[in-house]
Amino acid sequence: MYRARGIVFMAGLSYRCICCCLTIGIISVLILGCSPVPKSGPMWSNPTDIAPGSGDYFDSISCTGPEFCGAIGSQTLIVTSKGAHHWSKPAPDNTNPQSSGAAFLSCPTVGFCAAVDANGYALTYDGRSSRPPVEVEPSLVPGLIYAVPHFTSCPSDKFCLSVDTNGYTLRYQDGVWSASLPRVDESGEVTSLSCPTTTFCMAVDGRGQAFVFNGDSWQPRIVADPVASTSAGGMGSWVSCPTITFCMLVDYSGYYATYDGGKWSNPQRFDVTSGGYETVSCASKGSCVAIDAGGNTFLYTRSSWTESQRIEPGQNNWSISCPTNRFCVATDGQNSFTYS
């Protein structure tokens, strides 16, 4: 189920007890104390309420690193934040009365974020505050009369691509939105988009089809995940491409496939308990984190998946952003969880 969104933006030290055993002659003395020591590895934090008391629902998040993240919700457009646990308060006038349906946020730098909501309004953040919504679709795409989710990916503050579930594509370049590109997918439903550069984007749909954008046009579709086309009835896939030679696709049934710059691998199952929505974010070719509908997290390292923590059960629509190999932020719609 898709919901409306608006935008919010968001640092940690761990203390562990250590034991010291001093031996003096035949007498051993055990000294207990707590000192800040390095953790053995990244772990998920306790939840942090993104906008307490606002009643808003945030299910898209994007981070440039530990110093900056953004989230978008139905009532709040964009709220800046610094640090993984310190979200700023939404401004009283920071609302979008036009917003309806899902908008997926992309923040390539601390000074720029962009999304297109389900009513075709572009939402941007300039490093200080959110700008008023600007209608870019359906005004740029004649004939569209109903709200659909849009997936936006920005490799820089000068370029973004946004594709709705019907396959209509919008391009943002040097401050201007346009709809000069042909429809990408007429046979399925687009469910995700990832653009690591201005000349390479990967879109996937619920039927396991993948589409490559080369900077000028969309290339013919490729069946990336045959499992998605036969099981779960095209319920959805998610893709993350940290480079032009690596993409990770995860589907509704808990299968994954990888792209090496030329072809897709055969899908393999990594989540045997999956009963729904999966989302993934990759910081590099050898580092991805996925979350399923039950709040189970999975780590991809050295070409294989391992199950990690269950951060919160009973949630369906997760969003995750991993700008580095050892830092991610996820949201269940109300709370944020930091992996560091």
C-alpha atoms as a PDB file:
ATOM      1  CA  MET A   1       0.000   0.000   0.000  1.00  0.00           C
ATOM      2  CA  TYR A   2       1.299   3.376  -0.943  1.00  0.00           C
ATOM      3  CA  ARG A   3       0.912   6.392   1.262  1.00  0.00           C
ATOM      4  CA  ALA A   4       1.510  10.089   0.910  1.00  0.00           C
ATOM      5  CA  ARG A   5       4.830  11.528   1.943  1.00  0.00           C
ATOM      6  CA  GLY A   6       6.443  14.872   2.974  1.00  0.00           C
ATOM      7  CA  ILE A   7      10.458  15.462   3.756  1.00  0.00           C
ATOM      8  CA  VAL A   8      12.584  15.388   7.032  1.00  0.00           C
ATOM      9  CA  PHE A   9      16.397  15.453   7.668  1.00  0.00           C
ATOM     10  CA  MET A  10      18.934  14.159  10.478  1.00  0.00           C
ATOM     11  CA  ALA A  11      25.402  11.351  14.884  1.00  0.00           C
ATOM     12  CA  GLY A  12      26.714   7.980  18.130  1.00  0.00           C
ATOM     13  CA  LEU A  13      29.274   6.590  20.692  1.00  0.00           C
ATOM     14  CA  SER A  14      28.988   3.190  22.356  1.00  0.00           C
ATOM     15  CA  TYR A  15      30.052   2.319  25.861  1.00  0.00           C
ATOM     16  CA  ARG A  16      30.780  -1.228  26.915  1.00  0.00           C
ATOM     17  CA  CYS A  17      31.897  -2.711  30.233  1.00  0.00           C
ATOM     18  CA  ILE A  18      35.339  -4.224  30.262  1.00  0.00           C
ATOM     19  CA  CYS A  19      36.960  -6.498  32.798  1.00  0.00           C
ATOM     20  CA  CYS A  20      40.567  -6.148  33.880  1.00  0.00           C
ATOM     21  CA  CYS A  21      42.264  -8.953  35.809  1.00  0.00           C
ATOM     22  CA  LEU A  22      45.378  -7.941  37.727  1.00  0.00           C
ATOM     23  CA  THR A  23      47.592 -10.668  39.171  1.00  0.00           C
ATOM     24  CA  ILE A  24      49.913  -9.739  42.003  1.00  0.00           C
ATOM     25  CA  GLY A  25      51.901 -12.725  43.163  1.00  0.00           C
ATOM     26  CA  ILE A  26      49.258 -15.362  43.939  1.00  0.00           C
ATOM     27  CA  ILE A  27      46.479 -12.829  44.440  1.00  0.00           C
ATOM     28  CA  SER A  28      44.199 -12.048  41.535  1.00  0.00           C
ATOM     29  CA  VAL A  29      42.104  -8.923  41.656  1.00  0.00           C
ATOM     30  CA  LEU A  30      39.157  -8.452  39.285  1.00  0.00           C
ATOM     31  CA  ILE A  31      38.392  -4.876  38.402  1.00  0.00           C
ATOM     32  CA  LEU A  32      35.144  -4.000  36.654  1.00  0.00           C
ATOM     33  CA  GLY A  33      34.638  -0.725  34.909  1.00  0.00           C
ATOM     34  CA  CYS A  34      32.916   0.892  31.980  1.00  0.00           C
ATOM     35  CA  SER A  35      34.960   2.539  29.289  1.00  0.00           C
ATOM     36  CA  PRO A  36      34.286   3.692  25.751  1.00  0.00           C
ATOM     37  CA  VAL A  37      35.722   0.954  23.559  1.00  0.00           C
ATOM     38  CA  PRO A  38      35.293   0.224  19.903  1.00  0.00           C
ATOM     39  CA  LYS A  39      32.336  -1.972  18.962  1.00  0.00           C
ATOM     40  CA  SER A  40      32.999  -5.311  17.297  1.00  0.00           C
ATOM     41  CA  GLY A  41      30.868  -4.264  14.329  1.00  0.00           C
ATOM     42  CA  PRO A  42      27.951  -2.113  13.251  1.00  0.00           C
ATOM     43  CA  MET A  43      24.629  -2.684  15.012  1.00  0.00           C
ATOM     44  CA  TRP A  44      21.129  -1.259  14.777  1.00  0.00           C
ATOM     45  CA  SER A  45      20.097   1.427  17.246  1.00  0.00           C
ATOM     46  CA  ASN A  46      16.889   1.786  19.203  1.00  0.00           C
ATOM     47  CA  PRO A  47      14.129   3.710  17.406  1.00  0.00           C
ATOM     48  CA  THR A  48      14.095   7.499  17.223  1.00  0.00           C
ATOM     49  CA  ASP A  49      10.786   9.251  16.519  1.00  0.00           C
ATOM     50  CA  ILE A  50      11.335  11.387  13.425  1.00  0.00           C
ATOM     51  CA  ALA A  51       8.638  13.976  14.096  1.00  0.00           C
ATOM     52  CA  PRO A  52       7.039  13.421  17.541  1.00  0.00           C
ATOM     53  CA  GLY A  53       3.394  14.423  17.706  1.00  0.00           C
ATOM     54  CA  SER A  54       3.147  15.329  14.041  1.00  0.00           C
ATOM     55  CA  GLY A  55       1.024  12.376  13.007  1.00  0.00           C
ATOM     56  CA  ASP A  56       2.980  12.215   9.775  1.00  0.00           C
ATOM     57  CA  TYR A  57       4.093   9.022   8.056  1.00  0.00           C
ATOM     58  CA  PHE A  58       7.583   8.878   6.576  1.00  0.00           C
ATOM     59  CA  ASP A  59       8.457   5.947   4.395  1.00  0.00           C
ATOM     60  CA  SER A  60      11.232   7.342   2.235  1.00  0.00           C
ATOM     61  CA  ILE A  61      14.657   8.262   3.547  1.00  0.00           C
ATOM     62  CA  SER A  62      17.921   9.346   1.911  1.00  0.00           C
ATOM     63  CA  CYS A  63      21.330  10.024   3.497  1.00  0.00           C
ATOM     64  CA  THR A  64      24.601  11.506   2.255  1.00  0.00           C
ATOM     65  CA  GLY A  65      26.454  10.163   5.329  1.00  0.00           C
ATOM     66  CA  PRO A  66      26.271  10.310   9.143  1.00  0.00           C
ATOM     67  CA  GLU A  67      26.116  14.100   8.936  1.00  0.00           C
ATOM     68  CA  PHE A  68      22.911  14.401   6.923  1.00  0.00           C
ATOM     69  CA  CYS A  69      19.725  12.494   6.101  1.00  0.00           C
ATOM     70  CA  GLY A  70      16.340  13.456   4.774  1.00  0.00           C
ATOM     71  CA  ALA A  71      12.889  11.877   5.033  1.00  0.00           C
ATOM     72  CA  ILE A  72       9.678  12.664   3.217  1.00  0.00           C
ATOM     73  CA  GLY A  73       6.153  12.295   4.517  1.00  0.00           C
ATOM     74  CA  SER A  74       2.572  13.209   3.768  1.00  0.00           C
ATOM     75  CA  GLN A  75       2.328  16.444   5.735  1.00  0.00           C
ATOM     76  CA  THR A  76       5.948  17.517   6.114  1.00  0.00           C
ATOM     77  CA  LEU A  77       7.920  18.480   3.044  1.00  0.00           C
ATOM     78  CA  ILE A  78      11.556  18.672   4.120  1.00  0.00           C
ATOM     79  CA  VAL A  79      13.102  19.033   7.569  1.00  0.00           C
ATOM     80  CA  THR A  80      16.881  19.126   7.950  1.00  0.00           C
ATOM     81  CA  SER A  81      18.741  16.973  10.416  1.00  0.00           C
ATOM     82  CA  LYS A  82      22.332  16.493  11.523  1.00  0.00           C
ATOM     83  CA  GLY A  83      23.332  13.308  13.247  1.00  0.00           C
ATOM     84  CA  ALA A  84      21.668   9.935  13.116  1.00  0.00           C
ATOM     85  CA  HIS A  85      19.582  10.503  16.268  1.00  0.00           C
ATOM     86  CA  HIS A  86      18.813  14.218  16.074  1.00  0.00           C
ATOM     87  CA  TRP A  87      15.994  15.120  13.712  1.00  0.00           C
ATOM     88  CA  SER A  88      15.008  18.740  13.535  1.00  0.00           C
ATOM     89  CA  LYS A  89      11.472  19.897  14.238  1.00  0.00           C
ATOM     90  CA  PRO A  90       9.240  20.492  11.220  1.00  0.00           C
ATOM     91  CA  ALA A  91       8.618  24.178  10.534  1.00  0.00           C
ATOM     92  CA  PRO A  92       4.976  25.257  11.154  1.00  0.00           C
ATOM     93  CA  ASP A  93       4.537  26.223   7.495  1.00  0.00           C
ATOM     94  CA  ASN A  94       6.441  23.242   6.145  1.00  0.00           C
ATOM     95  CA  THR A  95       3.407  21.416   4.729  1.00  0.00           C
ATOM     96  CA  ASN A  96       2.252  20.354   1.308  1.00  0.00           C
ATOM     97  CA  PRO A  97      -1.537  20.631   0.835  1.00  0.00           C
ATOM     98  CA  GLN A  98      -1.223  19.162  -2.665  1.00  0.00           C
ATOM     99  CA  SER A  99       0.554  15.988  -1.619  1.00  0.00           C
ATOM    100  CA  SER A 100      -1.101  12.630  -2.201  1.00  0.00           C
ATOM    101  CA  GLY A 101       0.368   9.157  -2.571  1.00  0.00           C
ATOM    102  CA  ALA A 102       3.971   8.068  -2.384  1.00  0.00           C
ATOM    103  CA  ALA A 103       7.031  10.190  -3.069  1.00  0.00           C
ATOM    104  CA  PHE A 104      10.507   8.692  -2.921  1.00  0.00           C
ATOM    105  CA  LEU A 105      13.293  11.029  -1.866  1.00  0.00           C
ATOM    106  CA  SER A 106      16.859  11.363  -3.155  1.00  0.00           C
ATOM    107  CA  CYS A 107      19.545  13.488  -1.452  1.00  0.00           C
ATOM    108  CA  PRO A 108      22.859  13.400  -3.359  1.00  0.00           C
ATOM    109  CA  THR A 109      24.390  16.256  -1.304  1.00  0.00           C
ATOM    110  CA  VAL A 110      23.728  18.040   1.988  1.00  0.00           C
ATOM    111  CA  GLY A 111      22.511  20.996  -0.027  1.00  0.00           C
ATOM    112  CA  PHE A 112      20.017  19.279  -2.301  1.00  0.00           C
ATOM    113  CA  CYS A 113      17.165  16.775  -2.128  1.00  0.00           C
ATOM    114  CA  ALA A 114      14.356  16.111  -4.564  1.00  0.00           C
ATOM    115  CA  ALA A 115      11.195  14.046  -4.929  1.00  0.00           C
ATOM    116  CA  VAL A 116       8.049  14.045  -7.043  1.00  0.00           C
ATOM    117  CA  ASP A 117       4.826  13.231  -5.219  1.00  0.00           C
ATOM    118  CA  ALA A 118       1.890  11.199  -6.521  1.00  0.00           C
ATOM    119  CA  ASN A 119       0.050  14.292  -7.740  1.00  0.00           C
ATOM    120  CA  GLY A 120       2.994  15.304  -9.892  1.00  0.00           C
ATOM    121  CA  TYR A 121       4.432  18.043  -7.661  1.00  0.00           C
ATOM    122  CA  ALA A 122       8.205  18.336  -7.405  1.00  0.00           C
ATOM    123  CA  LEU A 123       9.554  18.863  -3.894  1.00  0.00           C
ATOM    124  CA  THR A 124      13.095  20.136  -3.429  1.00  0.00           C
ATOM    125  CA  TYR A 125      15.376  21.150  -0.574  1.00  0.00           C
ATOM    126  CA  ASP A 126      18.123  23.738  -1.101  1.00  0.00           C
ATOM    127  CA  GLY A 127      20.279  23.132   1.970  1.00  0.00           C
ATOM    128  CA  ARG A 128      18.378  25.569   4.167  1.00  0.00           C
ATOM    129  CA  SER A 129      14.691  24.953   3.656  1.00  0.00           C
ATOM    130  CA  SER A 130      12.205  23.238   1.419  1.00  0.00           C
ATOM    131  CA  ARG A 131      10.938  25.067  -1.616  1.00  0.00           C
ATOM    132  CA  PRO A 132       7.231  25.390  -2.438  1.00  0.00           C
ATOM    133  CA  PRO A 133       5.900  22.421  -4.443  1.00  0.00           C
ATOM    134  CA  VAL A 134       5.990  22.912  -8.210  1.00  0.00           C
ATOM    135  CA  GLU A 135       3.614  21.018 -10.477  1.00  0.00           C
ATOM    136  CA  VAL A 136       5.664  19.133 -13.065  1.00  0.00           C
ATOM    137  CA  GLU A 137       3.274  16.273 -13.838  1.00  0.00           C
ATOM    138  CA  PRO A 138       0.552  15.987 -15.167  1.00  0.00           C
ATOM    139  CA  SER A 139       1.248  19.424 -16.667  1.00  0.00           C
ATOM    140  CA  LEU A 140       4.307  17.960 -18.414  1.00  0.00           C
ATOM    141  CA  VAL A 141       2.612  14.675 -19.287  1.00  0.00           C
ATOM    142  CA  PRO A 142      -0.814  15.354 -20.860  1.00  0.00           C
ATOM    143  CA  GLY A 143      -3.538  12.845 -20.092  1.00  0.00           C
ATOM    144  CA  LEU A 144      -2.494  11.819 -16.583  1.00  0.00           C
ATOM    145  CA  ILE A 145      -5.457  12.353 -14.290  1.00  0.00           C
ATOM    146  CA  TYR A 146      -4.809  10.132 -11.264  1.00  0.00           C
ATOM    147  CA  ALA A 147      -2.177   9.889  -8.547  1.00  0.00           C
ATOM    148  CA  VAL A 148       0.565   7.270  -8.796  1.00  0.00           C
ATOM    149  CA  PRO A 149       3.837   6.801  -6.882  1.00  0.00           C
ATOM    150  CA  HIS A 150       6.998   8.353  -8.327  1.00  0.00           C
ATOM    151  CA  PHE A 151      10.529   7.006  -7.847  1.00  0.00           C
ATOM    152  CA  THR A 152      13.238   9.666  -7.947  1.00  0.00           C
ATOM    153  CA  SER A 153      17.018   9.210  -8.033  1.00  0.00           C
ATOM    154  CA  CYS A 154      19.569  12.044  -8.171  1.00  0.00           C
ATOM    155  CA  PRO A 155      23.277  11.289  -8.701  1.00  0.00           C
ATOM    156  CA  SER A 156      24.031  15.021  -8.311  1.00  0.00           C
ATOM    157  CA  ASP A 157      22.327  18.284  -7.467  1.00  0.00           C
ATOM    158  CA  LYS A 158      22.177  19.068 -11.178  1.00  0.00           C
ATOM    159  CA  PHE A 159      20.464  15.920 -12.423  1.00  0.00           C
ATOM    160  CA  CYS A 160      17.575  13.700 -11.326  1.00  0.00           C
ATOM    161  CA  LEU A 161      15.380  11.130 -13.005  1.00  0.00           C
ATOM    162  CA  SER A 162      11.862  10.396 -11.759  1.00  0.00           C
ATOM    163  CA  VAL A 163       9.693   7.532 -13.028  1.00  0.00           C
ATOM    164  CA  ASP A 164       6.107   6.850 -11.998  1.00  0.00           C
ATOM    165  CA  THR A 165       4.554   3.401 -11.777  1.00  0.00           C
ATOM    166  CA  ASN A 166       3.090   3.817 -15.262  1.00  0.00           C
ATOM    167  CA  GLY A 167       6.558   4.284 -16.734  1.00  0.00           C
ATOM    168  CA  TYR A 168       6.346   8.005 -17.492  1.00  0.00           C
ATOM    169  CA  THR A 169       9.741   9.645 -17.007  1.00  0.00           C
ATOM    170  CA  LEU A 170      10.644  13.127 -15.819  1.00  0.00           C
ATOM    171  CA  ARG A 171      14.150  14.570 -16.010  1.00  0.00           C
ATOM    172  CA  TYR A 172      15.540  17.330 -13.781  1.00  0.00           C
ATOM    173  CA  GLN A 173      18.530  19.116 -15.269  1.00  0.00           C
ATOM    174  CA  ASP A 174      20.085  22.409 -14.143  1.00  0.00           C
ATOM    175  CA  GLY A 175      17.003  23.406 -12.186  1.00  0.00           C
ATOM    176  CA  VAL A 176      14.394  22.570 -14.820  1.00  0.00           C
ATOM    177  CA  TRP A 177      12.016  19.589 -14.983  1.00  0.00           C
ATOM    178  CA  SER A 178      11.055  18.150 -18.375  1.00  0.00           C
ATOM    179  CA  ALA A 179       9.183  15.158 -19.775  1.00  0.00           C
ATOM    180  CA  SER A 180      11.101  14.721 -23.023  1.00  0.00           C
ATOM    181  CA  LEU A 181      11.848  11.003 -22.509  1.00  0.00           C
ATOM    182  CA  PRO A 182       9.631   8.198 -23.836  1.00  0.00           C
ATOM    183  CA  ARG A 183       7.634   5.939 -21.568  1.00  0.00           C
ATOM    184  CA  VAL A 184       9.926   3.329 -20.058  1.00  0.00           C
ATOM    185  CA  ASP A 185       7.589   0.460 -19.191  1.00  0.00           C
ATOM    186  CA  GLU A 186       4.193  -0.232 -20.714  1.00  0.00           C
ATOM    187  CA  SER A 187       3.855  -3.891 -19.765  1.00  0.00           C
ATOM    188  CA  GLY A 188       4.501  -3.839 -16.031  1.00  0.00           C
ATOM    189  CA  GLU A 189       4.527  -1.570 -13.011  1.00  0.00           C
ATOM    190  CA  VAL A 190       7.733   0.295 -12.144  1.00  0.00           C
ATOM    191  CA  THR A 191       8.613  -0.275  -8.496  1.00  0.00           C
ATOM    192  CA  SER A 192      12.125   1.181  -8.099  1.00  0.00           C
ATOM    193  CA  LEU A 193      14.793   3.359  -9.706  1.00  0.00           C
ATOM    194  CA  SER A 194      18.513   3.876  -9.015  1.00  0.00           C
ATOM    195  CA  CYS A 195      20.908   6.283 -10.776  1.00  0.00           C
ATOM    196  CA  PRO A 196      24.588   6.188  -9.735  1.00  0.00           C
ATOM    197  CA  THR A 197      25.546   8.599 -12.561  1.00  0.00           C
ATOM    198  CA  THR A 198      23.857  10.967 -14.985  1.00  0.00           C
ATOM    199  CA  THR A 199      24.403   8.485 -17.820  1.00  0.00           C
ATOM    200  CA  PHE A 200      23.270   5.302 -16.093  1.00  0.00           C
ATOM    201  CA  CYS A 201      20.014   4.516 -14.315  1.00  0.00           C
ATOM    202  CA  MET A 202      18.329   1.186 -13.639  1.00  0.00           C
ATOM    203  CA  ALA A 203      14.565   0.833 -13.261  1.00  0.00           C
ATOM    204  CA  VAL A 204      12.785  -2.393 -12.313  1.00  0.00           C
ATOM    205  CA  ASP A 205       9.141  -3.412 -12.295  1.00  0.00           C
ATOM    206  CA  GLY A 206       6.991  -5.912 -10.466  1.00  0.00           C
ATOM    207  CA  ARG A 207       7.354  -8.471 -13.248  1.00  0.00           C
ATOM    208  CA  GLY A 208      11.104  -8.811 -12.811  1.00  0.00           C
ATOM    209  CA  GLN A 209      11.944  -6.654 -15.813  1.00  0.00           C
ATOM    210  CA  ALA A 210      14.858  -4.203 -15.766  1.00  0.00           C
ATOM    211  CA  PHE A 211      15.401  -1.105 -17.895  1.00  0.00           C
ATOM    212  CA  VAL A 212      18.674   0.800 -18.397  1.00  0.00           C
ATOM    213  CA  PHE A 213      18.803   4.538 -19.069  1.00  0.00           C
ATOM    214  CA  ASN A 214      22.016   5.553 -20.879  1.00  0.00           C
ATOM    215  CA  GLY A 215      21.768   9.310 -20.465  1.00  0.00           C
ATOM    216  CA  ASP A 216      19.697   9.851 -23.589  1.00  0.00           C
ATOM    217  CA  SER A 217      17.104   7.094 -23.776  1.00  0.00           C
ATOM    218  CA  TRP A 218      15.776   3.901 -22.209  1.00  0.00           C
ATOM    219  CA  GLN A 219      17.155   0.635 -23.563  1.00  0.00           C
ATOM    220  CA  PRO A 220      14.988  -2.428 -24.338  1.00  0.00           C
ATOM    221  CA  ARG A 221      13.797  -4.314 -21.290  1.00  0.00           C
ATOM    222  CA  ILE A 222      15.689  -7.289 -19.854  1.00  0.00           C
ATOM    223  CA  VAL A 223      14.172 -10.020 -17.700  1.00  0.00           C
ATOM    224  CA  ALA A 224      16.362  -9.641 -14.620  1.00  0.00           C
ATOM    225  CA  ASP A 225      14.321 -11.756 -12.216  1.00  0.00           C
ATOM    226  CA  PRO A 226      12.193 -14.542 -13.745  1.00  0.00           C
ATOM    227  CA  VAL A 227      11.031 -15.511 -10.251  1.00  0.00           C
ATOM    228  CA  ALA A 228       9.277 -12.178  -9.804  1.00  0.00           C
ATOM    229  CA  SER A 229       7.326 -12.714 -13.012  1.00  0.00           C
ATOM    230  CA  THR A 230       5.961 -16.094 -11.890  1.00  0.00           C
ATOM    231  CA  SER A 231       5.727 -15.895  -8.091  1.00  0.00           C
ATOM    232  CA  ALA A 232       4.028 -13.255  -5.966  1.00  0.00           C
ATOM    233  CA  GLY A 233       2.268 -11.990  -9.065  1.00  0.00           C
ATOM    234  CA  GLY A 234       4.384  -8.959  -9.786  1.00  0.00           C
ATOM    235  CA  MET A 235       4.122  -7.589  -6.278  1.00  0.00           C
ATOM    236  CA  GLY A 236       7.323  -5.581  -6.507  1.00  0.00           C
ATOM    237  CA  SER A 237      11.095  -5.454  -6.717  1.00  0.00           C
ATOM    238  CA  TRP A 238      13.650  -2.982  -5.399  1.00  0.00           C
ATOM    239  CA  VAL A 239      16.994  -2.079  -6.945  1.00  0.00           C
ATOM    240  CA  SER A 240      20.120  -0.289  -5.702  1.00  0.00           C
ATOM    241  CA  CYS A 241      23.080   0.563  -7.958  1.00  0.00           C
ATOM    242  CA  PRO A 242      26.114   2.114  -6.221  1.00  0.00           C
ATOM    243  CA  THR A 243      28.081   1.957  -9.507  1.00  0.00           C
ATOM    244  CA  ILE A 244      27.387   1.394 -13.193  1.00  0.00           C
ATOM    245  CA  THR A 245      28.879  -2.107 -12.933  1.00  0.00           C
ATOM    246  CA  PHE A 246      26.906  -3.337  -9.925  1.00  0.00           C
ATOM    247  CA  CYS A 247      23.214  -3.373  -9.077  1.00  0.00           C
ATOM    248  CA  MET A 248      21.372  -5.424  -6.479  1.00  0.00           C
ATOM    249  CA  LEU A 249      17.742  -6.405  -7.039  1.00  0.00           C
ATOM    250  CA  VAL A 250      15.574  -7.925  -4.298  1.00  0.00           C
ATOM    251  CA  ASP A 251      12.004  -9.063  -4.860  1.00  0.00           C
ATOM    252  CA  TYR A 252       8.813  -9.655  -2.915  1.00  0.00           C
ATOM    253  CA  SER A 253       9.554 -13.375  -2.451  1.00  0.00           C
ATOM    254  CA  GLY A 254      12.997 -12.928  -0.892  1.00  0.00           C
ATOM    255  CA  TYR A 255      15.066 -13.569  -4.019  1.00  0.00           C
ATOM    256  CA  TYR A 256      17.983 -11.463  -5.221  1.00  0.00           C
ATOM    257  CA  ALA A 257      19.869 -10.979  -8.470  1.00  0.00           C
ATOM    258  CA  THR A 258      22.954  -8.903  -9.280  1.00  0.00           C
ATOM    259  CA  TYR A 259      23.922  -6.909 -12.370  1.00  0.00           C
ATOM    260  CA  ASP A 260      27.594  -6.731 -13.427  1.00  0.00           C
ATOM    261  CA  GLY A 261      27.381  -4.010 -16.030  1.00  0.00           C
ATOM    262  CA  GLY A 262      26.292  -6.311 -18.837  1.00  0.00           C
ATOM    263  CA  LYS A 263      24.047  -9.076 -17.575  1.00  0.00           C
ATOM    264  CA  TRP A 264      21.977 -10.214 -14.583  1.00  0.00           C
ATOM    265  CA  SER A 265      22.804 -13.251 -12.460  1.00  0.00           C
ATOM    266  CA  ASN A 266      20.303 -16.034 -11.880  1.00  0.00           C
ATOM    267  CA  PRO A 267      18.031 -15.175  -8.935  1.00  0.00           C
ATOM    268  CA  GLN A 268      18.733 -16.919  -5.630  1.00  0.00           C
ATOM    269  CA  ARG A 269      16.772 -16.874  -2.410  1.00  0.00           C
ATOM    270  CA  PHE A 270      18.332 -15.102   0.568  1.00  0.00           C
ATOM    271  CA  ASP A 271      15.265 -14.537   2.777  1.00  0.00           C
ATOM    272  CA  VAL A 272      13.339 -17.763   3.386  1.00  0.00           C
ATOM    273  CA  THR A 273      10.916 -16.090   5.807  1.00  0.00           C
ATOM    274  CA  SER A 274       9.938 -13.246   3.497  1.00  0.00           C
ATOM    275  CA  GLY A 275       6.221 -12.738   3.184  1.00  0.00           C
ATOM    276  CA  GLY A 276       6.174  -9.348   1.617  1.00  0.00           C
ATOM    277  CA  TYR A 277       7.900  -6.116   0.827  1.00  0.00           C
ATOM    278  CA  GLU A 278      11.699  -6.119   0.573  1.00  0.00           C
ATOM    279  CA  THR A 279      13.914  -3.059   0.217  1.00  0.00           C
ATOM    280  CA  VAL A 280      17.690  -2.751  -0.228  1.00  0.00           C
ATOM    281  CA  SER A 281      20.469  -0.161  -0.257  1.00  0.00           C
ATOM    282  CA  CYS A 282      24.059  -0.730  -1.386  1.00  0.00           C
ATOM    283  CA  ALA A 283      26.982   1.517  -0.475  1.00  0.00           C
ATOM    284  CA  SER A 284      29.399  -0.345  -2.752  1.00  0.00           C
ATOM    285  CA  LYS A 285      29.712  -3.493  -4.839  1.00  0.00           C
ATOM    286  CA  GLY A 286      30.450  -5.628  -1.799  1.00  0.00           C
ATOM    287  CA  SER A 287      28.157  -4.024   0.748  1.00  0.00           C
ATOM    288  CA  CYS A 288      24.332  -4.026   0.820  1.00  0.00           C
ATOM    289  CA  VAL A 289      21.682  -4.097   3.537  1.00  0.00           C
ATOM    290  CA  ALA A 290      18.131  -5.342   2.997  1.00  0.00           C
ATOM    291  CA  ILE A 291      15.013  -5.252   5.173  1.00  0.00           C
ATOM    292  CA  ASP A 292      11.909  -7.376   4.743  1.00  0.00           C
ATOM    293  CA  ALA A 293       8.308  -6.772   5.762  1.00  0.00           C
ATOM    294  CA  GLY A 294       8.873  -8.316   9.180  1.00  0.00           C
ATOM    295  CA  GLY A 295      11.700  -5.963  10.084  1.00  0.00           C
ATOM    296  CA  ASN A 296      14.384  -8.630   9.511  1.00  0.00           C
ATOM    297  CA  THR A 297      17.671  -7.218   8.236  1.00  0.00           C
ATOM    298  CA  PHE A 298      20.208  -8.918   5.978  1.00  0.00           C
ATOM    299  CA  LEU A 299      23.829  -8.050   5.170  1.00  0.00           C
ATOM    300  CA  TYR A 300      25.450  -8.676   1.788  1.00  0.00           C
ATOM    301  CA  THR A 301      29.247  -9.001   1.928  1.00  0.00           C
ATOM    302  CA  ARG A 302      31.693 -10.920  -0.260  1.00  0.00           C
ATOM    303  CA  SER A 303      28.963 -12.046  -2.638  1.00  0.00           C
ATOM    304  CA  SER A 304      26.735 -13.678  -0.023  1.00  0.00           C
ATOM    305  CA  TRP A 305      23.881 -12.745   2.314  1.00  0.00           C
ATOM    306  CA  THR A 306      23.709 -13.310   6.082  1.00  0.00           C
ATOM    307  CA  GLU A 307      20.751 -12.641   8.344  1.00  0.00           C
ATOM    308  CA  SER A 308      21.325  -9.883  10.881  1.00  0.00           C
ATOM    309  CA  GLN A 309      19.117  -8.265  13.524  1.00  0.00           C
ATOM    310  CA  ARG A 310      15.356  -7.996  13.586  1.00  0.00           C
ATOM    311  CA  ILE A 311      14.950  -4.320  14.300  1.00  0.00           C
ATOM    312  CA  GLU A 312      11.173  -4.130  14.605  1.00  0.00           C
ATOM    313  CA  PRO A 313       8.463  -6.690  13.814  1.00  0.00           C
ATOM    314  CA  GLY A 314       5.072  -6.055  12.305  1.00  0.00           C
ATOM    315  CA  GLN A 315       5.915  -3.307   9.836  1.00  0.00           C
ATOM    316  CA  ASN A 316       5.416  -3.468   6.082  1.00  0.00           C
ATOM    317  CA  ASN A 317       6.817  -0.482   4.193  1.00  0.00           C
ATOM    318  CA  TRP A 318      10.455   0.055   5.101  1.00  0.00           C
ATOM    319  CA  SER A 319      12.872   2.499   3.531  1.00  0.00           C
ATOM    320  CA  ILE A 320      16.656   2.307   3.939  1.00  0.00           C
ATOM    321  CA  SER A 321      19.637   4.392   2.865  1.00  0.00           C
ATOM    322  CA  CYS A 322      23.282   3.250   3.193  1.00  0.00           C
ATOM    323  CA  PRO A 323      25.709   5.949   2.025  1.00  0.00           C
ATOM    324  CA  THR A 324      28.736   4.067   3.451  1.00  0.00           C
ATOM    325  CA  ASN A 325      29.596   0.438   4.231  1.00  0.00           C
ATOM    326  CA  ARG A 326      29.209   1.015   7.968  1.00  0.00           C
ATOM    327  CA  PHE A 327      26.361   3.481   8.127  1.00  0.00           C
ATOM    328  CA  CYS A 328      22.677   3.091   7.240  1.00  0.00           C
ATOM    329  CA  VAL A 329      19.443   4.682   8.358  1.00  0.00           C
ATOM    330  CA  ALA A 330      16.073   2.963   7.987  1.00  0.00           C
ATOM    331  CA  THR A 331      12.547   4.092   8.738  1.00  0.00           C
ATOM    332  CA  ASP A 332       9.316   2.219   9.396  1.00  0.00           C
ATOM    333  CA  GLY A 333       7.266   5.306   8.681  1.00  0.00           C
ATOM    334  CA  GLN A 334       7.409   6.867  12.144  1.00  0.00           C
ATOM    335  CA  ASN A 335      10.805   5.977  13.619  1.00  0.00           C
ATOM    336  CA  SER A 336      14.356   5.967  12.305  1.00  0.00           C
ATOM    337  CA  PHE A 337      16.894   3.229  13.091  1.00  0.00           C
ATOM    338  CA  THR A 338      20.633   3.730  12.637  1.00  0.00           C
ATOM    339  CA  TYR A 339      23.086   1.018  11.638  1.00  0.00           C
ATOM    340  CA  SER A 340      26.612   2.027  12.674  1.00  0.00           C
END
